[in-house]
Amino acid sequence: MFRVTIPVKRTAVLAAASLALTAVPFALAAPAQAAAPPISSCSVTPLSPIFVGYDSHGKKLTDFPVKVNCLKDRFVTVQHRVWEVDFPAPNQLIKNSSKAFHLGANKTVTLHNVLPPINTELGPEEVFHQARHQENPVFGIPVWSSWRSTPIISMP
């Protein structure tokens, strides 16, 4: 039978304590690394473009609407972009705009972005539009949402 002496016990205890102290920083860091992104109280949705009439020269006007909905009272900034698709070349930015406003709790508004015909080439134009938002939260730093896009549509 083996008899354990105090130095062996002390070495084992020190080794276990050293291992535990090494693991503590990793255990404490895990929740911070696994933290979820801030939850947004608002959302933006780019809606399908719609014909809205004619300008004074008889040219068709198209609205590229964006729906904004907030569950909580917020100040919101919405960025909006309209693109003309030029495959295989890069897409062409037609309009880039931004609007900041206040929206109350459980409210929805539609922002209207009316444009004259997009005419960058012969024939129909393939277009889509995008929107993203930033809200001023009660606590923390405002963060931009990811861009949301409509499908590509063909406009005569």
Protein backbone atom coordinates (compact mmCIF):
# COMPACT_ATOMS: atom_id res chain seq x y z
CA MET A 1 0.00 0.00 0.00
CA PHE A 2 1.23 3.46 -0.84
CA ARG A 3 1.37 6.18 1.69
CA VAL A 4 0.80 9.71 0.32
CA THR A 5 3.04 12.25 1.87
CA ILE A 6 2.23 15.92 2.36
CA PRO A 7 4.52 17.17 -0.44
CA VAL A 8 2.72 14.93 -2.98
CA LYS A 9 -0.70 16.12 -1.76
CA ARG A 10 0.46 19.74 -1.87
CA THR A 11 1.77 19.28 -5.44
CA ALA A 12 -1.52 17.72 -6.54
CA VAL A 13 -3.55 20.55 -4.95
CA LEU A 14 -1.31 23.22 -6.52
CA ALA A 15 -1.58 21.55 -9.94
CA ALA A 16 -5.39 21.41 -9.67
CA ALA A 17 -5.58 25.03 -8.52
CA SER A 18 -3.27 26.14 -11.33
CA LEU A 19 -5.42 24.34 -13.90
CA ALA A 20 -8.58 25.90 -12.45
CA LEU A 21 -7.08 29.40 -12.53
CA THR A 22 -6.06 28.88 -16.15
CA ALA A 23 -9.62 27.90 -17.11
CA VAL A 24 -11.29 30.83 -15.29
CA PRO A 25 -10.47 33.52 -17.91
CA PHE A 26 -11.84 31.30 -20.68
CA ALA A 27 -15.00 30.56 -18.73
CA LEU A 28 -15.56 34.24 -18.03
CA ALA A 29 -14.87 35.24 -21.65
CA ALA A 30 -17.29 32.72 -23.17
CA PRO A 31 -20.51 34.60 -22.40
CA ALA A 32 -19.11 37.84 -23.85
CA GLN A 33 -18.10 36.11 -27.06
CA ALA A 34 -21.44 34.37 -27.37
CA ALA A 35 -23.45 37.54 -26.76
CA ALA A 36 -26.25 38.11 -29.26
CA PRO A 37 -26.39 41.29 -31.34
CA PRO A 38 -28.67 44.00 -29.99
CA ILE A 39 -32.35 43.41 -30.63
CA SER A 40 -33.89 45.99 -32.92
CA SER A 41 -37.23 47.60 -32.09
CA CYS A 42 -37.80 48.67 -35.70
CA SER A 43 -37.73 47.03 -39.11
CA VAL A 44 -37.61 48.27 -42.70
CA THR A 45 -39.01 46.47 -45.73
CA PRO A 46 -38.50 47.68 -49.30
CA LEU A 47 -41.77 47.09 -51.15
CA SER A 48 -42.33 46.32 -54.83
CA PRO A 49 -42.07 49.38 -57.07
CA ILE A 50 -45.41 50.73 -58.29
CA PHE A 51 -46.56 53.04 -61.07
CA VAL A 52 -47.89 56.29 -59.56
CA GLY A 53 -48.78 58.44 -62.57
CA TYR A 54 -47.10 60.81 -65.00
CA ASP A 55 -44.92 63.89 -64.66
CA SER A 56 -45.73 67.20 -66.41
CA HIS A 57 -44.02 65.93 -69.59
CA GLY A 58 -46.09 62.75 -69.74
CA LYS A 59 -43.34 60.42 -68.49
CA LYS A 60 -44.26 57.57 -66.14
CA LEU A 61 -43.36 57.96 -62.47
CA THR A 62 -42.47 54.98 -60.29
CA ASP A 63 -42.53 54.85 -56.49
CA PHE A 64 -39.98 52.70 -54.68
CA PRO A 65 -41.72 52.52 -51.27
CA VAL A 66 -40.15 51.43 -47.98
CA LYS A 67 -42.27 50.32 -45.02
CA VAL A 68 -40.93 51.19 -41.55
CA ASN A 69 -42.40 49.62 -38.42
CA CYS A 70 -41.38 50.27 -34.80
CA LEU A 71 -42.54 48.33 -31.76
CA LYS A 72 -41.06 50.96 -29.42
CA ASP A 73 -40.83 54.75 -29.58
CA ARG A 74 -37.65 55.47 -31.57
CA PHE A 75 -35.73 58.00 -33.64
CA VAL A 76 -34.94 56.17 -36.89
CA THR A 77 -32.64 56.84 -39.84
CA VAL A 78 -33.47 54.97 -43.04
CA GLN A 79 -31.04 54.66 -45.95
CA HIS A 80 -32.48 53.82 -49.36
CA ARG A 81 -30.79 52.87 -52.66
CA VAL A 82 -32.24 52.20 -56.12
CA TRP A 83 -30.09 50.13 -58.48
CA GLU A 84 -30.18 49.37 -62.20
CA VAL A 85 -28.80 45.90 -62.95
CA ASP A 86 -25.98 45.81 -65.52
CA PHE A 87 -24.95 42.17 -65.71
CA PRO A 88 -22.09 41.27 -66.09
CA ALA A 89 -20.91 44.84 -65.38
CA PRO A 90 -21.38 46.28 -61.86
CA ASN A 91 -24.88 47.50 -60.98
CA GLN A 92 -25.50 51.20 -61.45
CA LEU A 93 -26.63 53.27 -58.45
CA ILE A 94 -29.59 55.39 -59.58
CA LYS A 95 -30.58 57.02 -56.28
CA ASN A 96 -29.14 57.08 -52.78
CA SER A 97 -31.10 58.83 -50.02
CA SER A 98 -31.42 59.02 -46.25
CA LYS A 99 -34.24 60.14 -43.99
CA ALA A 100 -34.22 60.63 -40.21
CA PHE A 101 -37.47 60.88 -38.26
CA HIS A 102 -39.31 59.93 -35.07
CA LEU A 103 -41.74 57.02 -35.02
CA GLY A 104 -43.96 56.20 -32.07
CA ALA A 105 -44.46 52.81 -30.47
CA ASN A 106 -46.44 50.27 -32.53
CA LYS A 107 -46.52 52.61 -35.55
CA THR A 108 -45.91 51.92 -39.23
CA VAL A 109 -45.18 54.43 -42.00
CA THR A 110 -44.38 54.08 -45.68
CA LEU A 111 -41.65 56.28 -47.14
CA HIS A 112 -42.18 57.15 -50.81
CA ASN A 113 -39.29 57.49 -53.26
CA VAL A 114 -40.77 58.61 -56.59
CA LEU A 115 -38.50 58.56 -59.64
CA PRO A 116 -38.92 59.34 -63.33
CA PRO A 117 -38.18 56.51 -65.77
CA ILE A 118 -34.79 54.88 -65.39
CA ASN A 119 -33.21 54.88 -68.82
CA THR A 120 -29.57 53.82 -68.92
CA GLU A 121 -29.76 51.50 -71.98
CA LEU A 122 -31.99 50.41 -74.85
CA GLY A 123 -34.98 48.30 -73.93
CA PRO A 124 -36.43 47.43 -70.51
CA GLU A 125 -34.48 48.25 -67.35
CA GLU A 126 -33.91 45.65 -64.66
CA VAL A 127 -34.01 47.35 -61.25
CA PHE A 128 -34.19 46.62 -57.54
CA HIS A 129 -34.02 48.73 -54.40
CA GLN A 130 -32.65 48.31 -50.90
CA ALA A 131 -33.21 49.76 -47.45
CA ARG A 132 -31.58 49.54 -44.06
CA HIS A 133 -32.07 51.45 -40.82
CA GLN A 134 -30.45 52.64 -37.65
CA GLU A 135 -32.39 53.45 -34.51
CA ASN A 136 -31.30 55.39 -31.47
CA PRO A 137 -31.76 52.90 -28.64
CA VAL A 138 -32.30 53.93 -25.05
CA PHE A 139 -28.95 52.34 -24.12
CA GLY A 140 -25.96 51.51 -26.30
CA ILE A 141 -24.59 52.58 -29.63
CA PRO A 142 -26.82 52.77 -32.72
CA VAL A 143 -26.04 50.00 -35.20
CA TRP A 144 -27.04 49.76 -38.87
CA SER A 145 -29.23 46.83 -39.83
CA SER A 146 -28.28 44.74 -42.83
CA TRP A 147 -29.53 45.79 -46.26
CA ARG A 148 -32.86 44.30 -47.34
CA SER A 149 -33.53 44.08 -51.08
CA THR A 150 -36.47 43.59 -53.40
CA PRO A 151 -36.29 41.05 -56.20
CA ILE A 152 -35.07 42.33 -59.57
CA ILE A 153 -37.94 43.54 -61.76
CA SER A 154 -38.06 44.57 -65.40
CA MET A 155 -39.44 48.04 -66.11
CA PRO A 156 -40.44 49.04 -69.67
